[in-house]
Amino acid sequence: MNFKDIAISRENRFSIGIEETSGKYYLSIPVSNQYVDYEEYYEISKEVFDSFKADMNSALNFVQQCIERKKDELLIQKPGRLRGVPM
């Protein structure tokens, strides 16, 4: 998989972009476990991507739901047994 960030909110610690192989749009958040820091990628529609790109603050509710693991059904890559915690 080749994730390409299109827009990044350093202040709110998330990014949006496109997975170039599949063409899926995503929102990602940083997570960490005891071994590695990595990102979790949540699939979003093109319409949601465009909305978030136009106003990054409009994504904050979605980001919070990802942090609270309420959007796990949208994960592009399912976590392993040592799932990280949001940073």
PDB file of N, CA and C in Angstrom:
ATOM      1  N   MET A   1       0.844  -1.176   0.000  1.00  0.00           N
ATOM      2  CA  MET A   1       0.000   0.000   0.000  1.00  0.00           C
ATOM      3  C   MET A   1       0.886   1.235   0.000  1.00  0.00           C
ATOM      4  N   ASN A   2       0.418   2.223  -0.733  1.00  0.00           N
ATOM      5  CA  ASN A   2       1.194   3.449  -0.871  1.00  0.00           C
ATOM      6  C   ASN A   2       0.314   4.637  -0.469  1.00  0.00           C
ATOM      7  N   PHE A   3       0.419   5.035   0.803  1.00  0.00           N
ATOM      8  CA  PHE A   3      -0.384   6.127   1.338  1.00  0.00           C
ATOM      9  C   PHE A   3       0.296   7.456   1.047  1.00  0.00           C
ATOM     10  N   LYS A   4      -0.434   8.364   0.402  1.00  0.00           N
ATOM     11  CA  LYS A   4       0.117   9.684   0.058  1.00  0.00           C
ATOM     12  C   LYS A   4      -0.720  10.758   0.745  1.00  0.00           C
ATOM     13  N   ASP A   5      -0.111  11.430   1.712  1.00  0.00           N
ATOM     14  CA  ASP A   5      -0.790  12.520   2.403  1.00  0.00           C
ATOM     15  C   ASP A   5      -0.996  13.697   1.454  1.00  0.00           C
ATOM     16  N   ILE A   6      -2.207  14.244   1.454  1.00  0.00           N
ATOM     17  CA  ILE A   6      -2.529  15.420   0.651  1.00  0.00           C
ATOM     18  C   ILE A   6      -2.566  16.666   1.526  1.00  0.00           C
ATOM     19  N   ALA A   7      -3.083  16.527   2.743  1.00  0.00           N
ATOM     20  CA  ALA A   7      -3.152  17.652   3.686  1.00  0.00           C
ATOM     21  C   ALA A   7      -2.890  17.121   5.091  1.00  0.00           C
ATOM     22  N   ILE A   8      -2.143  17.922   5.859  1.00  0.00           N
ATOM     23  CA  ILE A   8      -1.740  17.524   7.212  1.00  0.00           C
ATOM     24  C   ILE A   8      -2.119  18.619   8.195  1.00  0.00           C
ATOM     25  N   SER A   9      -2.693  18.216   9.317  1.00  0.00           N
ATOM     26  CA  SER A   9      -2.931  19.130  10.428  1.00  0.00           C
ATOM     27  C   SER A   9      -1.952  18.745  11.542  1.00  0.00           C
ATOM     28  N   ARG A  10      -0.846  19.436  11.600  1.00  0.00           N
ATOM     29  CA  ARG A  10       0.143  19.139  12.647  1.00  0.00           C
ATOM     30  C   ARG A  10      -0.427  19.481  14.025  1.00  0.00           C
ATOM     31  N   GLU A  11      -1.165  20.559  14.090  1.00  0.00           N
ATOM     32  CA  GLU A  11      -1.753  21.000  15.359  1.00  0.00           C
ATOM     33  C   GLU A  11      -2.710  19.950  15.928  1.00  0.00           C
ATOM     34  N   ASN A  12      -3.523  19.358  15.065  1.00  0.00           N
ATOM     35  CA  ASN A  12      -4.524  18.395  15.522  1.00  0.00           C
ATOM     36  C   ASN A  12      -4.121  16.941  15.276  1.00  0.00           C
ATOM     37  N   ARG A  13      -2.920  16.739  14.760  1.00  0.00           N
ATOM     38  CA  ARG A  13      -2.305  15.408  14.617  1.00  0.00           C
ATOM     39  C   ARG A  13      -3.128  14.432  13.781  1.00  0.00           C
ATOM     40  N   PHE A  14      -3.418  14.831  12.548  1.00  0.00           N
ATOM     41  CA  PHE A  14      -4.034  13.920  11.602  1.00  0.00           C
ATOM     42  C   PHE A  14      -3.695  14.365  10.190  1.00  0.00           C
ATOM     43  N   SER A  15      -3.914  13.473   9.254  1.00  0.00           N
ATOM     44  CA  SER A  15      -3.722  13.812   7.852  1.00  0.00           C
ATOM     45  C   SER A  15      -4.823  13.168   7.029  1.00  0.00           C
ATOM     46  N   ILE A  16      -5.000  13.703   5.815  1.00  0.00           N
ATOM     47  CA  ILE A  16      -5.911  13.096   4.860  1.00  0.00           C
ATOM     48  C   ILE A  16      -5.130  12.864   3.575  1.00  0.00           C
ATOM     49  N   GLY A  17      -5.541  11.855   2.831  1.00  0.00           N
ATOM     50  CA  GLY A  17      -4.825  11.565   1.605  1.00  0.00           C
ATOM     51  C   GLY A  17      -5.492  10.477   0.808  1.00  0.00           C
ATOM     52  N   ILE A  18      -4.693   9.894  -0.091  1.00  0.00           N
ATOM     53  CA  ILE A  18      -5.183   8.838  -0.969  1.00  0.00           C
ATOM     54  C   ILE A  18      -4.200   7.677  -0.959  1.00  0.00           C
ATOM     55  N   GLU A  19      -4.750   6.472  -0.907  1.00  0.00           N
ATOM     56  CA  GLU A  19      -3.924   5.270  -1.045  1.00  0.00           C
ATOM     57  C   GLU A  19      -3.848   5.026  -2.547  1.00  0.00           C
ATOM     58  N   GLU A  20      -2.656   5.184  -3.096  1.00  0.00           N
ATOM     59  CA  GLU A  20      -2.504   5.253  -4.545  1.00  0.00           C
ATOM     60  C   GLU A  20      -2.780   3.939  -5.278  1.00  0.00           C
ATOM     61  N   THR A  21      -2.584   2.805  -4.647  1.00  0.00           N
ATOM     62  CA  THR A  21      -2.826   1.523  -5.308  1.00  0.00           C
ATOM     63  C   THR A  21      -4.313   1.263  -5.497  1.00  0.00           C
ATOM     64  N   SER A  22      -5.089   1.493  -4.447  1.00  0.00           N
ATOM     65  CA  SER A  22      -6.524   1.202  -4.492  1.00  0.00           C
ATOM     66  C   SER A  22      -7.373   2.408  -4.880  1.00  0.00           C
ATOM     67  N   GLY A  23      -6.822   3.610  -4.717  1.00  0.00           N
ATOM     68  CA  GLY A  23      -7.591   4.827  -4.969  1.00  0.00           C
ATOM     69  C   GLY A  23      -8.493   5.223  -3.816  1.00  0.00           C
ATOM     70  N   LYS A  24      -8.350   4.555  -2.669  1.00  0.00           N
ATOM     71  CA  LYS A  24      -9.172   4.877  -1.508  1.00  0.00           C
ATOM     72  C   LYS A  24      -8.677   6.149  -0.831  1.00  0.00           C
ATOM     73  N   TYR A  25      -9.621   6.953  -0.370  1.00  0.00           N
ATOM     74  CA  TYR A  25      -9.291   8.147   0.409  1.00  0.00           C
ATOM     75  C   TYR A  25      -9.253   7.767   1.879  1.00  0.00           C
ATOM     76  N   TYR A  26      -8.440   8.491   2.642  1.00  0.00           N
ATOM     77  CA  TYR A  26      -8.287   8.146   4.054  1.00  0.00           C
ATOM     78  C   TYR A  26      -8.072   9.366   4.926  1.00  0.00           C
ATOM     79  N   LEU A  27      -8.300   9.163   6.198  1.00  0.00           N
ATOM     80  CA  LEU A  27      -7.871  10.056   7.266  1.00  0.00           C
ATOM     81  C   LEU A  27      -6.994   9.193   8.158  1.00  0.00           C
ATOM     82  N   SER A  28      -5.849   9.697   8.575  1.00  0.00           N
ATOM     83  CA  SER A  28      -4.963   8.913   9.428  1.00  0.00           C
ATOM     84  C   SER A  28      -4.644   9.665  10.716  1.00  0.00           C
ATOM     85  N   ILE A  29      -4.415   8.868  11.764  1.00  0.00           N
ATOM     86  CA  ILE A  29      -4.002   9.409  13.060  1.00  0.00           C
ATOM     87  C   ILE A  29      -2.759   8.643  13.520  1.00  0.00           C
ATOM     88  N   PRO A  30      -1.862   9.315  14.247  1.00  0.00           N
ATOM     89  CA  PRO A  30      -0.683   8.617  14.752  1.00  0.00           C
ATOM     90  C   PRO A  30      -1.030   7.803  16.000  1.00  0.00           C
ATOM     91  N   VAL A  31      -0.446   6.624  16.094  1.00  0.00           N
ATOM     92  CA  VAL A  31      -0.598   5.763  17.259  1.00  0.00           C
ATOM     93  C   VAL A  31       0.772   5.192  17.625  1.00  0.00           C
ATOM     94  N   SER A  32       0.859   4.641  18.819  1.00  0.00           N
ATOM     95  CA  SER A  32       2.131   4.118  19.293  1.00  0.00           C
ATOM     96  C   SER A  32       1.884   2.907  20.187  1.00  0.00           C
ATOM     97  N   ASN A  33       2.727   1.878  20.025  1.00  0.00           N
ATOM     98  CA  ASN A  33       2.734   0.785  20.997  1.00  0.00           C
ATOM     99  C   ASN A  33       4.131   0.740  21.602  1.00  0.00           C
ATOM    100  N   GLN A  34       4.431  -0.265  22.372  1.00  0.00           N
ATOM    101  CA  GLN A  34       5.714  -0.288  23.074  1.00  0.00           C
ATOM    102  C   GLN A  34       6.902  -0.471  22.136  1.00  0.00           C
ATOM    103  N   TYR A  35       6.641  -0.822  20.871  1.00  0.00           N
ATOM    104  CA  TYR A  35       7.733  -1.083  19.938  1.00  0.00           C
ATOM    105  C   TYR A  35       7.885  -0.053  18.829  1.00  0.00           C
ATOM    106  N   VAL A  36       6.784   0.564  18.416  1.00  0.00           N
ATOM    107  CA  VAL A  36       6.858   1.403  17.221  1.00  0.00           C
ATOM    108  C   VAL A  36       5.747   2.450  17.211  1.00  0.00           C
ATOM    109  N   ASP A  37       6.034   3.582  16.597  1.00  0.00           N
ATOM    110  CA  ASP A  37       5.019   4.592  16.292  1.00  0.00           C
ATOM    111  C   ASP A  37       4.580   4.340  14.850  1.00  0.00           C
ATOM    112  N   TYR A  38       3.284   4.429  14.597  1.00  0.00           N
ATOM    113  CA  TYR A  38       2.782   4.218  13.244  1.00  0.00           C
ATOM    114  C   TYR A  38       1.459   4.957  13.083  1.00  0.00           C
ATOM    115  N   GLU A  39       0.842   4.831  11.925  1.00  0.00           N
ATOM    116  CA  GLU A  39      -0.427   5.494  11.658  1.00  0.00           C
ATOM    117  C   GLU A  39      -1.525   4.467  11.427  1.00  0.00           C
ATOM    118  N   GLU A  40      -2.727   4.825  11.843  1.00  0.00           N
ATOM    119  CA  GLU A  40      -3.909   4.053  11.493  1.00  0.00           C
ATOM    120  C   GLU A  40      -4.643   4.834  10.415  1.00  0.00           C
ATOM    121  N   TYR A  41      -5.095   4.128   9.382  1.00  0.00           N
ATOM    122  CA  TYR A  41      -5.732   4.741   8.226  1.00  0.00           C
ATOM    123  C   TYR A  41      -7.201   4.348   8.174  1.00  0.00           C
ATOM    124  N   TYR A  42      -8.069   5.342   8.144  1.00  0.00           N
ATOM    125  CA  TYR A  42      -9.514   5.148   8.119  1.00  0.00           C
ATOM    126  C   TYR A  42     -10.046   5.576   6.753  1.00  0.00           C
ATOM    127  N   GLU A  43     -10.762   4.684   6.083  1.00  0.00           N
ATOM    128  CA  GLU A  43     -11.293   4.995   4.761  1.00  0.00           C
ATOM    129  C   GLU A  43     -12.418   6.026   4.871  1.00  0.00           C
ATOM    130  N   ILE A  44     -12.352   7.013   3.986  1.00  0.00           N
ATOM    131  CA  ILE A  44     -13.404   8.026   3.885  1.00  0.00           C
ATOM    132  C   ILE A  44     -13.795   8.145   2.408  1.00  0.00           C
ATOM    133  N   SER A  45     -14.974   8.657   2.161  1.00  0.00           N
ATOM    134  CA  SER A  45     -15.429   8.839   0.786  1.00  0.00           C
ATOM    135  C   SER A  45     -14.746  10.050   0.157  1.00  0.00           C
ATOM    136  N   LYS A  46     -14.835  10.156  -1.150  1.00  0.00           N
ATOM    137  CA  LYS A  46     -14.288  11.307  -1.872  1.00  0.00           C
ATOM    138  C   LYS A  46     -14.971  12.589  -1.402  1.00  0.00           C
ATOM    139  N   GLU A  47     -16.284  12.517  -1.167  1.00  0.00           N
ATOM    140  CA  GLU A  47     -17.029  13.695  -0.720  1.00  0.00           C
ATOM    141  C   GLU A  47     -16.554  14.150   0.662  1.00  0.00           C
ATOM    142  N   VAL A  48     -16.360  13.213   1.567  1.00  0.00           N
ATOM    143  CA  VAL A  48     -15.866  13.557   2.911  1.00  0.00           C
ATOM    144  C   VAL A  48     -14.437  14.088   2.808  1.00  0.00           C
ATOM    145  N   PHE A  49     -13.605  13.461   1.989  1.00  0.00           N
ATOM    146  CA  PHE A  49     -12.238  13.934   1.770  1.00  0.00           C
ATOM    147  C   PHE A  49     -12.256  15.392   1.303  1.00  0.00           C
ATOM    148  N   ASP A  50     -13.073  15.684   0.290  1.00  0.00           N
ATOM    149  CA  ASP A  50     -13.146  17.052  -0.239  1.00  0.00           C
ATOM    150  C   ASP A  50     -13.606  18.035   0.827  1.00  0.00           C
ATOM    151  N   SER A  51     -14.564  17.623   1.651  1.00  0.00           N
ATOM    152  CA  SER A  51     -15.053  18.472   2.731  1.00  0.00           C
ATOM    153  C   SER A  51     -13.952  18.755   3.748  1.00  0.00           C
ATOM    154  N   PHE A  52     -13.255  17.707   4.157  1.00  0.00           N
ATOM    155  CA  PHE A  52     -12.164  17.882   5.125  1.00  0.00           C
ATOM    156  C   PHE A  52     -11.029  18.719   4.538  1.00  0.00           C
ATOM    157  N   LYS A  53     -10.737  18.516   3.261  1.00  0.00           N
ATOM    158  CA  LYS A  53      -9.659  19.280   2.621  1.00  0.00           C
ATOM    159  C   LYS A  53      -9.998  20.769   2.574  1.00  0.00           C
ATOM    160  N   ALA A  54     -11.274  21.077   2.317  1.00  0.00           N
ATOM    161  CA  ALA A  54     -11.707  22.476   2.256  1.00  0.00           C
ATOM    162  C   ALA A  54     -11.673  23.147   3.622  1.00  0.00           C
ATOM    163  N   ASP A  55     -11.914  22.372   4.675  1.00  0.00           N
ATOM    164  CA  ASP A  55     -11.933  22.900   6.046  1.00  0.00           C
ATOM    165  C   ASP A  55     -11.427  21.808   6.984  1.00  0.00           C
ATOM    166  N   MET A  56     -10.140  21.802   7.257  1.00  0.00           N
ATOM    167  CA  MET A  56      -9.539  20.744   8.071  1.00  0.00           C
ATOM    168  C   MET A  56     -10.182  20.650   9.458  1.00  0.00           C
ATOM    169  N   ASN A  57     -10.651  21.765   9.995  1.00  0.00           N
ATOM    170  CA  ASN A  57     -11.287  21.717  11.320  1.00  0.00           C
ATOM    171  C   ASN A  57     -12.597  20.936  11.298  1.00  0.00           C
ATOM    172  N   SER A  58     -13.206  20.799  10.129  1.00  0.00           N
ATOM    173  CA  SER A  58     -14.454  20.036  10.042  1.00  0.00           C
ATOM    174  C   SER A  58     -14.216  18.546  10.284  1.00  0.00           C
ATOM    175  N   ALA A  59     -12.968  18.115  10.265  1.00  0.00           N
ATOM    176  CA  ALA A  59     -12.628  16.707  10.495  1.00  0.00           C
ATOM    177  C   ALA A  59     -12.451  16.365  11.968  1.00  0.00           C
ATOM    178  N   LEU A  60     -12.436  17.350  12.831  1.00  0.00           N
ATOM    179  CA  LEU A  60     -12.069  17.101  14.227  1.00  0.00           C
ATOM    180  C   LEU A  60     -13.008  16.133  14.947  1.00  0.00           C
ATOM    181  N   ASN A  61     -14.289  16.183  14.666  1.00  0.00           N
ATOM    182  CA  ASN A  61     -15.221  15.231  15.287  1.00  0.00           C
ATOM    183  C   ASN A  61     -14.901  13.807  14.817  1.00  0.00           C
ATOM    184  N   PHE A  62     -14.639  13.652  13.538  1.00  0.00           N
ATOM    185  CA  PHE A  62     -14.278  12.338  12.990  1.00  0.00           C
ATOM    186  C   PHE A  62     -12.973  11.841  13.625  1.00  0.00           C
ATOM    187  N   VAL A  63     -12.002  12.728  13.738  1.00  0.00           N
ATOM    188  CA  VAL A  63     -10.723  12.372  14.364  1.00  0.00           C
ATOM    189  C   VAL A  63     -10.951  11.881  15.789  1.00  0.00           C
ATOM    190  N   GLN A  64     -11.756  12.588  16.546  1.00  0.00           N
ATOM    191  CA  GLN A  64     -12.037  12.192  17.931  1.00  0.00           C
ATOM    192  C   GLN A  64     -12.690  10.815  17.981  1.00  0.00           C
ATOM    193  N   GLN A  65     -13.597  10.545  17.050  1.00  0.00           N
ATOM    194  CA  GLN A  65     -14.235   9.232  17.004  1.00  0.00           C
ATOM    195  C   GLN A  65     -13.215   8.134  16.675  1.00  0.00           C
ATOM    196  N   CYS A  66     -12.241   8.449  15.839  1.00  0.00           N
ATOM    197  CA  CYS A  66     -11.169   7.483  15.543  1.00  0.00           C
ATOM    198  C   CYS A  66     -10.328   7.235  16.791  1.00  0.00           C
ATOM    199  N   ILE A  67      -9.979   8.284  17.492  1.00  0.00           N
ATOM    200  CA  ILE A  67      -9.196   8.161  18.723  1.00  0.00           C
ATOM    201  C   ILE A  67      -9.932   7.282  19.732  1.00  0.00           C
ATOM    202  N   GLU A  68     -11.246   7.438  19.800  1.00  0.00           N
ATOM    203  CA  GLU A  68     -12.062   6.662  20.734  1.00  0.00           C
ATOM    204  C   GLU A  68     -12.410   5.270  20.187  1.00  0.00           C
ATOM    205  N   ARG A  69     -11.862   4.932  19.035  1.00  0.00           N
ATOM    206  CA  ARG A  69     -12.062   3.628  18.368  1.00  0.00           C
ATOM    207  C   ARG A  69     -13.518   3.367  18.003  1.00  0.00           C
ATOM    208  N   LYS A  70     -14.229   4.428  17.693  1.00  0.00           N
ATOM    209  CA  LYS A  70     -15.627   4.308  17.279  1.00  0.00           C
ATOM    210  C   LYS A  70     -15.770   4.178  15.761  1.00  0.00           C
ATOM    211  N   LYS A  71     -14.667   4.244  15.040  1.00  0.00           N
ATOM    212  CA  LYS A  71     -14.688   4.136  13.577  1.00  0.00           C
ATOM    213  C   LYS A  71     -13.846   2.951  13.094  1.00  0.00           C
ATOM    214  N   ASP A  72     -13.636   1.971  13.959  1.00  0.00           N
ATOM    215  CA  ASP A  72     -12.769   0.841  13.609  1.00  0.00           C
ATOM    216  C   ASP A  72     -13.216   0.083  12.370  1.00  0.00           C
ATOM    217  N   GLU A  73     -14.513   0.103  12.061  1.00  0.00           N
ATOM    218  CA  GLU A  73     -14.989  -0.598  10.870  1.00  0.00           C
ATOM    219  C   GLU A  73     -14.453   0.027   9.583  1.00  0.00           C
ATOM    220  N   LEU A  74     -13.907   1.244   9.679  1.00  0.00           N
ATOM    221  CA  LEU A  74     -13.363   1.939   8.518  1.00  0.00           C
ATOM    222  C   LEU A  74     -11.853   1.769   8.363  1.00  0.00           C
ATOM    223  N   LEU A  75     -11.211   1.057   9.283  1.00  0.00           N
ATOM    224  CA  LEU A  75      -9.764   0.859   9.192  1.00  0.00           C
ATOM    225  C   LEU A  75      -9.401   0.149   7.888  1.00  0.00           C
ATOM    226  N   ILE A  76      -8.456   0.704   7.166  1.00  0.00           N
ATOM    227  CA  ILE A  76      -8.012   0.092   5.912  1.00  0.00           C
ATOM    228  C   ILE A  76      -7.143  -1.122   6.208  1.00  0.00           C
ATOM    229  N   GLN A  77      -6.292  -1.009   7.210  1.00  0.00           N
ATOM    230  CA  GLN A  77      -5.456  -2.134   7.664  1.00  0.00           C
ATOM    231  C   GLN A  77      -5.877  -2.459   9.088  1.00  0.00           C
ATOM    232  N   LYS A  78      -6.314  -3.671   9.311  1.00  0.00           N
ATOM    233  CA  LYS A  78      -6.752  -4.073  10.651  1.00  0.00           C
ATOM    234  C   LYS A  78      -5.543  -4.171  11.576  1.00  0.00           C
ATOM    235  N   PRO A  79      -5.685  -3.724  12.827  1.00  0.00           N
ATOM    236  CA  PRO A  79      -4.555  -3.742  13.766  1.00  0.00           C
ATOM    237  C   PRO A  79      -4.218  -5.164  14.214  1.00  0.00           C
ATOM    238  N   GLY A  80      -2.969  -5.333  14.588  1.00  0.00           N
ATOM    239  CA  GLY A  80      -2.514  -6.612  15.142  1.00  0.00           C
ATOM    240  C   GLY A  80      -2.840  -6.696  16.621  1.00  0.00           C
ATOM    241  N   ARG A  81      -2.286  -7.698  17.274  1.00  0.00           N
ATOM    242  CA  ARG A  81      -2.603  -7.905  18.683  1.00  0.00           C
ATOM    243  C   ARG A  81      -1.996  -6.843  19.591  1.00  0.00           C
ATOM    244  N   LEU A  82      -0.957  -6.152  19.149  1.00  0.00           N
ATOM    245  CA  LEU A  82      -0.343  -5.080  19.946  1.00  0.00           C
ATOM    246  C   LEU A  82      -0.742  -3.715  19.383  1.00  0.00           C
ATOM    247  N   ARG A  83      -2.040  -3.496  19.329  1.00  0.00           N
ATOM    248  CA  ARG A  83      -2.538  -2.240  18.760  1.00  0.00           C
ATOM    249  C   ARG A  83      -2.034  -1.057  19.576  1.00  0.00           C
ATOM    250  N   GLY A  84      -1.601  -0.057  18.858  1.00  0.00           N
ATOM    251  CA  GLY A  84      -1.119   1.156  19.511  1.00  0.00           C
ATOM    252  C   GLY A  84      -2.237   2.008  20.075  1.00  0.00           C
ATOM    253  N   VAL A  85      -1.849   2.951  20.883  1.00  0.00           N
ATOM    254  CA  VAL A  85      -2.794   3.933  21.430  1.00  0.00           C
ATOM    255  C   VAL A  85      -2.537   5.268  20.753  1.00  0.00           C
ATOM    256  N   PRO A  86      -3.586   6.058  20.550  1.00  0.00           N
ATOM    257  CA  PRO A  86      -3.399   7.350  19.897  1.00  0.00           C
ATOM    258  C   PRO A  86      -2.406   8.231  20.643  1.00  0.00           C
ATOM    259  N   MET A  87      -1.636   8.958  19.885  1.00  0.00           N
ATOM    260  CA  MET A  87      -0.616   9.841  20.464  1.00  0.00           C
ATOM    261  C   MET A  87      -1.166  11.250  20.588  1.00  0.00           C
TER     262      MET A  87
END
